[in-house]
Amino acid sequence: MKYLAAYLLLVAGGKTEPTAADVKAVMASVGVEAEEERLTSLIAALKGKNTDELVTEGLEKMSSKEEEKEESDDDMGFGLFD
């Protein structure tokens, strides 16, 4: 999550396609050491993608999961102290 957070901070700051070095610098600025493999994986996964669209898709998925959870919370006819 910290890798994604650093990436998104860079995007919010105006860097449209942050590099691994950019993300590593942000993480180092707060005393966090970046694992090269995880960082490379993140950069590859996000390359050429619009982060606003990804966030919107993620929020839609989260809201659909919440709806599914709410449906399964039906009263089963007994209570904790019955």
PDB file of N, CA and C in Angstrom:
ATOM      1  N   MET A   1       0.820  -1.188   0.000  1.00  0.00           N
ATOM      2  CA  MET A   1       0.000   0.000   0.000  1.00  0.00           C
ATOM      3  C   MET A   1       0.868   1.258   0.000  1.00  0.00           C
ATOM      4  N   LYS A   2       2.016   1.198   0.693  1.00  0.00           N
ATOM      5  CA  LYS A   2       2.874   2.382   0.760  1.00  0.00           C
ATOM      6  C   LYS A   2       3.451   2.745  -0.605  1.00  0.00           C
ATOM      7  N   TYR A   3       3.656   1.744  -1.453  1.00  0.00           N
ATOM      8  CA  TYR A   3       4.172   2.002  -2.798  1.00  0.00           C
ATOM      9  C   TYR A   3       3.123   2.749  -3.620  1.00  0.00           C
ATOM     10  N   LEU A   4       1.900   2.282  -3.525  1.00  0.00           N
ATOM     11  CA  LEU A   4       0.805   2.923  -4.252  1.00  0.00           C
ATOM     12  C   LEU A   4       0.564   4.333  -3.727  1.00  0.00           C
ATOM     13  N   ALA A   5       0.640   4.500  -2.413  1.00  0.00           N
ATOM     14  CA  ALA A   5       0.444   5.828  -1.823  1.00  0.00           C
ATOM     15  C   ALA A   5       1.490   6.809  -2.342  1.00  0.00           C
ATOM     16  N   ALA A   6       2.737   6.383  -2.387  1.00  0.00           N
ATOM     17  CA  ALA A   6       3.805   7.251  -2.898  1.00  0.00           C
ATOM     18  C   ALA A   6       3.568   7.580  -4.369  1.00  0.00           C
ATOM     19  N   TYR A   7       3.159   6.585  -5.139  1.00  0.00           N
ATOM     20  CA  TYR A   7       2.874   6.782  -6.568  1.00  0.00           C
ATOM     21  C   TYR A   7       1.756   7.812  -6.737  1.00  0.00           C
ATOM     22  N   LEU A   8       0.675   7.648  -5.968  1.00  0.00           N
ATOM     23  CA  LEU A   8      -0.466   8.554  -6.090  1.00  0.00           C
ATOM     24  C   LEU A   8      -0.131   9.966  -5.624  1.00  0.00           C
ATOM     25  N   LEU A   9       0.747  10.096  -4.636  1.00  0.00           N
ATOM     26  CA  LEU A   9       1.196  11.430  -4.231  1.00  0.00           C
ATOM     27  C   LEU A   9       1.910  12.136  -5.378  1.00  0.00           C
ATOM     28  N   LEU A  10       2.728  11.391  -6.082  1.00  0.00           N
ATOM     29  CA  LEU A  10       3.428  11.966  -7.235  1.00  0.00           C
ATOM     30  C   LEU A  10       2.446  12.386  -8.329  1.00  0.00           C
ATOM     31  N   VAL A  11       1.447  11.554  -8.574  1.00  0.00           N
ATOM     32  CA  VAL A  11       0.430  11.889  -9.581  1.00  0.00           C
ATOM     33  C   VAL A  11      -0.338  13.136  -9.145  1.00  0.00           C
ATOM     34  N   ALA A  12      -0.702  13.196  -7.864  1.00  0.00           N
ATOM     35  CA  ALA A  12      -1.419  14.364  -7.351  1.00  0.00           C
ATOM     36  C   ALA A  12      -0.571  15.630  -7.459  1.00  0.00           C
ATOM     37  N   GLY A  13       0.736  15.464  -7.402  1.00  0.00           N
ATOM     38  CA  GLY A  13       1.646  16.596  -7.530  1.00  0.00           C
ATOM     39  C   GLY A  13       1.918  17.007  -8.962  1.00  0.00           C
ATOM     40  N   GLY A  14       1.320  16.304  -9.925  1.00  0.00           N
ATOM     41  CA  GLY A  14       1.449  16.701 -11.320  1.00  0.00           C
ATOM     42  C   GLY A  14       2.323  15.808 -12.184  1.00  0.00           C
ATOM     43  N   LYS A  15       2.920  14.782 -11.610  1.00  0.00           N
ATOM     44  CA  LYS A  15       3.767  13.856 -12.379  1.00  0.00           C
ATOM     45  C   LYS A  15       2.841  12.795 -12.969  1.00  0.00           C
ATOM     46  N   THR A  16       2.597  12.837 -14.276  1.00  0.00           N
ATOM     47  CA  THR A  16       1.600  11.951 -14.883  1.00  0.00           C
ATOM     48  C   THR A  16       2.012  10.487 -14.899  1.00  0.00           C
ATOM     49  N   GLU A  17       3.304  10.201 -15.098  1.00  0.00           N
ATOM     50  CA  GLU A  17       3.776   8.811 -15.078  1.00  0.00           C
ATOM     51  C   GLU A  17       5.052   8.713 -14.251  1.00  0.00           C
ATOM     52  N   PRO A  18       4.896   8.613 -12.921  1.00  0.00           N
ATOM     53  CA  PRO A  18       6.067   8.520 -12.056  1.00  0.00           C
ATOM     54  C   PRO A  18       6.919   7.288 -12.379  1.00  0.00           C
ATOM     55  N   THR A  19       8.218   7.443 -12.239  1.00  0.00           N
ATOM     56  CA  THR A  19       9.147   6.335 -12.456  1.00  0.00           C
ATOM     57  C   THR A  19       9.444   5.658 -11.123  1.00  0.00           C
ATOM     58  N   ALA A  20      10.118   4.525 -11.202  1.00  0.00           N
ATOM     59  CA  ALA A  20      10.524   3.819  -9.988  1.00  0.00           C
ATOM     60  C   ALA A  20      11.414   4.715  -9.131  1.00  0.00           C
ATOM     61  N   ALA A  21      12.293   5.465  -9.772  1.00  0.00           N
ATOM     62  CA  ALA A  21      13.180   6.375  -9.037  1.00  0.00           C
ATOM     63  C   ALA A  21      12.386   7.465  -8.316  1.00  0.00           C
ATOM     64  N   ASP A  22      11.317   7.953  -8.950  1.00  0.00           N
ATOM     65  CA  ASP A  22      10.468   8.968  -8.320  1.00  0.00           C
ATOM     66  C   ASP A  22       9.815   8.417  -7.058  1.00  0.00           C
ATOM     67  N   VAL A  23       9.236   7.234  -7.176  1.00  0.00           N
ATOM     68  CA  VAL A  23       8.549   6.611  -6.045  1.00  0.00           C
ATOM     69  C   VAL A  23       9.550   6.313  -4.930  1.00  0.00           C
ATOM     70  N   LYS A  24      10.704   5.808  -5.314  1.00  0.00           N
ATOM     71  CA  LYS A  24      11.745   5.490  -4.333  1.00  0.00           C
ATOM     72  C   LYS A  24      12.173   6.750  -3.574  1.00  0.00           C
ATOM     73  N   ALA A  25      12.281   7.876  -4.277  1.00  0.00           N
ATOM     74  CA  ALA A  25      12.673   9.137  -3.644  1.00  0.00           C
ATOM     75  C   ALA A  25      11.630   9.609  -2.640  1.00  0.00           C
ATOM     76  N   VAL A  26      10.359   9.480  -2.987  1.00  0.00           N
ATOM     77  CA  VAL A  26       9.286   9.874  -2.065  1.00  0.00           C
ATOM     78  C   VAL A  26       9.341   9.004  -0.812  1.00  0.00           C
ATOM     79  N   MET A  27       9.493   7.709  -1.008  1.00  0.00           N
ATOM     80  CA  MET A  27       9.539   6.796   0.130  1.00  0.00           C
ATOM     81  C   MET A  27      10.769   7.062   1.003  1.00  0.00           C
ATOM     82  N   ALA A  28      11.898   7.315   0.374  1.00  0.00           N
ATOM     83  CA  ALA A  28      13.126   7.595   1.122  1.00  0.00           C
ATOM     84  C   ALA A  28      13.000   8.889   1.926  1.00  0.00           C
ATOM     85  N   SER A  29      12.228   9.841   1.406  1.00  0.00           N
ATOM     86  CA  SER A  29      12.076  11.128   2.093  1.00  0.00           C
ATOM     87  C   SER A  29      11.379  10.993   3.441  1.00  0.00           C
ATOM     88  N   VAL A  30      10.659   9.896   3.630  1.00  0.00           N
ATOM     89  CA  VAL A  30       9.995   9.655   4.918  1.00  0.00           C
ATOM     90  C   VAL A  30      10.602   8.455   5.644  1.00  0.00           C
ATOM     91  N   GLY A  31      11.781   8.047   5.197  1.00  0.00           N
ATOM     92  CA  GLY A  31      12.514   6.996   5.897  1.00  0.00           C
ATOM     93  C   GLY A  31      12.080   5.578   5.604  1.00  0.00           C
ATOM     94  N   VAL A  32      11.442   5.353   4.466  1.00  0.00           N
ATOM     95  CA  VAL A  32      10.992   4.010   4.100  1.00  0.00           C
ATOM     96  C   VAL A  32      11.857   3.492   2.960  1.00  0.00           C
ATOM     97  N   GLU A  33      12.400   2.297   3.143  1.00  0.00           N
ATOM     98  CA  GLU A  33      13.220   1.689   2.100  1.00  0.00           C
ATOM     99  C   GLU A  33      12.323   0.895   1.155  1.00  0.00           C
ATOM    100  N   ALA A  34      12.493   1.106  -0.130  1.00  0.00           N
ATOM    101  CA  ALA A  34      11.664   0.441  -1.138  1.00  0.00           C
ATOM    102  C   ALA A  34      12.312  -0.856  -1.597  1.00  0.00           C
ATOM    103  N   GLU A  35      11.487  -1.904  -1.717  1.00  0.00           N
ATOM    104  CA  GLU A  35      11.945  -3.172  -2.280  1.00  0.00           C
ATOM    105  C   GLU A  35      11.852  -3.051  -3.799  1.00  0.00           C
ATOM    106  N   GLU A  36      12.954  -3.268  -4.463  1.00  0.00           N
ATOM    107  CA  GLU A  36      13.040  -3.062  -5.913  1.00  0.00           C
ATOM    108  C   GLU A  36      12.007  -3.893  -6.680  1.00  0.00           C
ATOM    109  N   GLU A  37      11.820  -5.145  -6.278  1.00  0.00           N
ATOM    110  CA  GLU A  37      10.892  -6.034  -6.992  1.00  0.00           C
ATOM    111  C   GLU A  37       9.450  -5.533  -6.909  1.00  0.00           C
ATOM    112  N   ARG A  38       9.029  -5.130  -5.725  1.00  0.00           N
ATOM    113  CA  ARG A  38       7.658  -4.640  -5.556  1.00  0.00           C
ATOM    114  C   ARG A  38       7.459  -3.322  -6.296  1.00  0.00           C
ATOM    115  N   LEU A  39       8.473  -2.493  -6.256  1.00  0.00           N
ATOM    116  CA  LEU A  39       8.403  -1.205  -6.931  1.00  0.00           C
ATOM    117  C   LEU A  39       8.315  -1.379  -8.444  1.00  0.00           C
ATOM    118  N   THR A  40       9.121  -2.261  -8.984  1.00  0.00           N
ATOM    119  CA  THR A  40       9.106  -2.541 -10.421  1.00  0.00           C
ATOM    120  C   THR A  40       7.755  -3.111 -10.841  1.00  0.00           C
ATOM    121  N   SER A  41       7.205  -3.979 -10.014  1.00  0.00           N
ATOM    122  CA  SER A  41       5.900  -4.583 -10.290  1.00  0.00           C
ATOM    123  C   SER A  41       4.801  -3.517 -10.332  1.00  0.00           C
ATOM    124  N   LEU A  42       4.832  -2.598  -9.383  1.00  0.00           N
ATOM    125  CA  LEU A  42       3.834  -1.530  -9.345  1.00  0.00           C
ATOM    126  C   LEU A  42       3.927  -0.642 -10.582  1.00  0.00           C
ATOM    127  N   ILE A  43       5.132  -0.228 -10.916  1.00  0.00           N
ATOM    128  CA  ILE A  43       5.327   0.654 -12.074  1.00  0.00           C
ATOM    129  C   ILE A  43       4.844  -0.036 -13.353  1.00  0.00           C
ATOM    130  N   ALA A  44       5.144  -1.320 -13.489  1.00  0.00           N
ATOM    131  CA  ALA A  44       4.714  -2.072 -14.677  1.00  0.00           C
ATOM    132  C   ALA A  44       3.192  -2.188 -14.728  1.00  0.00           C
ATOM    133  N   ALA A  45       2.568  -2.424 -13.576  1.00  0.00           N
ATOM    134  CA  ALA A  45       1.112  -2.589 -13.531  1.00  0.00           C
ATOM    135  C   ALA A  45       0.374  -1.292 -13.854  1.00  0.00           C
ATOM    136  N   LEU A  46       0.967  -0.159 -13.518  1.00  0.00           N
ATOM    137  CA  LEU A  46       0.293   1.123 -13.714  1.00  0.00           C
ATOM    138  C   LEU A  46       0.718   1.859 -14.977  1.00  0.00           C
ATOM    139  N   LYS A  47       1.698   1.329 -15.680  1.00  0.00           N
ATOM    140  CA  LYS A  47       2.225   2.008 -16.870  1.00  0.00           C
ATOM    141  C   LYS A  47       1.125   2.212 -17.921  1.00  0.00           C
ATOM    142  N   GLY A  48       0.947   3.459 -18.332  1.00  0.00           N
ATOM    143  CA  GLY A  48      -0.013   3.797 -19.373  1.00  0.00           C
ATOM    144  C   GLY A  48      -1.462   3.828 -18.922  1.00  0.00           C
ATOM    145  N   LYS A  49      -1.704   3.673 -17.626  1.00  0.00           N
ATOM    146  CA  LYS A  49      -3.087   3.671 -17.135  1.00  0.00           C
ATOM    147  C   LYS A  49      -3.418   5.009 -16.492  1.00  0.00           C
ATOM    148  N   ASN A  50      -4.676   5.383 -16.586  1.00  0.00           N
ATOM    149  CA  ASN A  50      -5.166   6.615 -15.991  1.00  0.00           C
ATOM    150  C   ASN A  50      -5.524   6.340 -14.534  1.00  0.00           C
ATOM    151  N   THR A  51      -4.833   6.986 -13.604  1.00  0.00           N
ATOM    152  CA  THR A  51      -5.069   6.699 -12.184  1.00  0.00           C
ATOM    153  C   THR A  51      -6.459   7.129 -11.732  1.00  0.00           C
ATOM    154  N   ASP A  52      -7.007   8.188 -12.313  1.00  0.00           N
ATOM    155  CA  ASP A  52      -8.365   8.602 -11.948  1.00  0.00           C
ATOM    156  C   ASP A  52      -9.369   7.505 -12.290  1.00  0.00           C
ATOM    157  N   GLU A  53      -9.208   6.899 -13.462  1.00  0.00           N
ATOM    158  CA  GLU A  53     -10.100   5.809 -13.864  1.00  0.00           C
ATOM    159  C   GLU A  53      -9.921   4.593 -12.960  1.00  0.00           C
ATOM    160  N   LEU A  54      -8.682   4.289 -12.592  1.00  0.00           N
ATOM    161  CA  LEU A  54      -8.424   3.148 -11.711  1.00  0.00           C
ATOM    162  C   LEU A  54      -9.062   3.346 -10.342  1.00  0.00           C
ATOM    163  N   VAL A  55      -8.972   4.560  -9.811  1.00  0.00           N
ATOM    164  CA  VAL A  55      -9.579   4.856  -8.512  1.00  0.00           C
ATOM    165  C   VAL A  55     -11.095   4.738  -8.607  1.00  0.00           C
ATOM    166  N   THR A  56     -11.679   5.259  -9.678  1.00  0.00           N
ATOM    167  CA  THR A  56     -13.127   5.171  -9.873  1.00  0.00           C
ATOM    168  C   THR A  56     -13.576   3.715  -9.949  1.00  0.00           C
ATOM    169  N   GLU A  57     -12.851   2.896 -10.712  1.00  0.00           N
ATOM    170  CA  GLU A  57     -13.182   1.469 -10.815  1.00  0.00           C
ATOM    171  C   GLU A  57     -13.073   0.789  -9.457  1.00  0.00           C
ATOM    172  N   GLY A  58     -12.045   1.128  -8.704  1.00  0.00           N
ATOM    173  CA  GLY A  58     -11.853   0.541  -7.381  1.00  0.00           C
ATOM    174  C   GLY A  58     -12.978   0.904  -6.428  1.00  0.00           C
ATOM    175  N   LEU A  59     -13.401   2.158  -6.465  1.00  0.00           N
ATOM    176  CA  LEU A  59     -14.503   2.591  -5.610  1.00  0.00           C
ATOM    177  C   LEU A  59     -15.797   1.870  -5.966  1.00  0.00           C
ATOM    178  N   GLU A  60     -16.032   1.672  -7.264  1.00  0.00           N
ATOM    179  CA  GLU A  60     -17.226   0.942  -7.697  1.00  0.00           C
ATOM    180  C   GLU A  60     -17.190  -0.493  -7.186  1.00  0.00           C
ATOM    181  N   LYS A  61     -16.029  -1.126  -7.255  1.00  0.00           N
ATOM    182  CA  LYS A  61     -15.897  -2.500  -6.765  1.00  0.00           C
ATOM    183  C   LYS A  61     -16.125  -2.564  -5.261  1.00  0.00           C
ATOM    184  N   MET A  62     -15.596  -1.582  -4.540  1.00  0.00           N
ATOM    185  CA  MET A  62     -15.774  -1.564  -3.088  1.00  0.00           C
ATOM    186  C   MET A  62     -17.237  -1.380  -2.720  1.00  0.00           C
ATOM    187  N   SER A  63     -17.933  -0.499  -3.427  1.00  0.00           N
ATOM    188  CA  SER A  63     -19.338  -0.259  -3.102  1.00  0.00           C
ATOM    189  C   SER A  63     -20.187  -1.473  -3.431  1.00  0.00           C
ATOM    190  N   SER A  64     -19.853  -2.219  -4.481  1.00  0.00           N
ATOM    191  CA  SER A  64     -20.620  -3.420  -4.800  1.00  0.00           C
ATOM    192  C   SER A  64     -20.369  -4.504  -3.761  1.00  0.00           C
ATOM    193  N   LYS A  65     -19.176  -4.573  -3.202  1.00  0.00           N
ATOM    194  CA  LYS A  65     -18.877  -5.541  -2.137  1.00  0.00           C
ATOM    195  C   LYS A  65     -19.655  -5.200  -0.878  1.00  0.00           C
ATOM    196  N   GLU A  66     -19.791  -3.908  -0.568  1.00  0.00           N
ATOM    197  CA  GLU A  66     -20.558  -3.490   0.596  1.00  0.00           C
ATOM    198  C   GLU A  66     -22.017  -3.873   0.441  1.00  0.00           C
ATOM    199  N   GLU A  67     -22.583  -3.716  -0.764  1.00  0.00           N
ATOM    200  CA  GLU A  67     -23.971  -4.088  -1.003  1.00  0.00           C
ATOM    201  C   GLU A  67     -24.165  -5.582  -0.821  1.00  0.00           C
ATOM    202  N   GLU A  68     -23.237  -6.395  -1.317  1.00  0.00           N
ATOM    203  CA  GLU A  68     -23.327  -7.838  -1.156  1.00  0.00           C
ATOM    204  C   GLU A  68     -23.282  -8.207   0.314  1.00  0.00           C
ATOM    205  N   LYS A  69     -22.429  -7.559   1.077  1.00  0.00           N
ATOM    206  CA  LYS A  69     -22.295  -7.843   2.496  1.00  0.00           C
ATOM    207  C   LYS A  69     -23.585  -7.493   3.228  1.00  0.00           C
ATOM    208  N   GLU A  70     -24.181  -6.352   2.911  1.00  0.00           N
ATOM    209  CA  GLU A  70     -25.415  -5.935   3.546  1.00  0.00           C
ATOM    210  C   GLU A  70     -26.530  -6.942   3.301  1.00  0.00           C
ATOM    211  N   GLU A  71     -26.597  -7.503   2.115  1.00  0.00           N
ATOM    212  CA  GLU A  71     -27.635  -8.467   1.797  1.00  0.00           C
ATOM    213  C   GLU A  71     -27.492  -9.742   2.621  1.00  0.00           C
ATOM    214  N   SER A  72     -26.280 -10.114   2.972  1.00  0.00           N
ATOM    215  CA  SER A  72     -26.069 -11.359   3.698  1.00  0.00           C
ATOM    216  C   SER A  72     -26.239 -11.207   5.199  1.00  0.00           C
ATOM    217  N   ASP A  73     -26.487  -9.994   5.681  1.00  0.00           N
ATOM    218  CA  ASP A  73     -26.643  -9.757   7.108  1.00  0.00           C
ATOM    219  C   ASP A  73     -28.103  -9.878   7.547  1.00  0.00           C
ATOM    220  N   ASP A  74     -28.840 -10.804   6.973  1.00  0.00           N
ATOM    221  CA  ASP A  74     -30.244 -10.978   7.323  1.00  0.00           C
ATOM    222  C   ASP A  74     -30.384 -11.527   8.734  1.00  0.00           C
ATOM    223  N   ASP A  75     -31.496 -11.177   9.383  1.00  0.00           N
ATOM    224  CA  ASP A  75     -31.808 -11.701  10.705  1.00  0.00           C
ATOM    225  C   ASP A  75     -32.134 -13.181  10.572  1.00  0.00           C
ATOM    226  N   MET A  76     -31.474 -14.002  11.348  1.00  0.00           N
ATOM    227  CA  MET A  76     -31.660 -15.445  11.236  1.00  0.00           C
ATOM    228  C   MET A  76     -32.710 -15.966  12.213  1.00  0.00           C
ATOM    229  N   GLY A  77     -33.429 -15.060  12.888  1.00  0.00           N
ATOM    230  CA  GLY A  77     -34.517 -15.491  13.736  1.00  0.00           C
ATOM    231  C   GLY A  77     -34.131 -15.746  15.183  1.00  0.00           C
ATOM    232  N   PHE A  78     -32.922 -15.485  15.545  1.00  0.00           N
ATOM    233  CA  PHE A  78     -32.527 -15.623  16.939  1.00  0.00           C
ATOM    234  C   PHE A  78     -31.520 -14.536  17.278  1.00  0.00           C
ATOM    235  N   GLY A  79     -31.468 -14.202  18.535  1.00  0.00           N
ATOM    236  CA  GLY A  79     -30.554 -13.150  18.959  1.00  0.00           C
ATOM    237  C   GLY A  79     -29.478 -13.709  19.865  1.00  0.00           C
ATOM    238  N   LEU A  80     -28.563 -12.889  20.220  1.00  0.00           N
ATOM    239  CA  LEU A  80     -27.445 -13.290  21.052  1.00  0.00           C
ATOM    240  C   LEU A  80     -27.897 -13.724  22.440  1.00  0.00           C
ATOM    241  N   PHE A  81     -28.946 -13.075  22.975  1.00  0.00           N
ATOM    242  CA  PHE A  81     -29.373 -13.365  24.343  1.00  0.00           C
ATOM    243  C   PHE A  81     -30.731 -14.050  24.411  1.00  0.00           C
ATOM    244  N   ASP A  82     -31.180 -14.689  23.331  1.00  0.00           N
ATOM    245  CA  ASP A  82     -32.476 -15.394  23.331  1.00  0.00           C
ATOM    246  C   ASP A  82     -32.375 -16.716  24.047  1.00  0.00           C
TER     247      ASP A  82
END
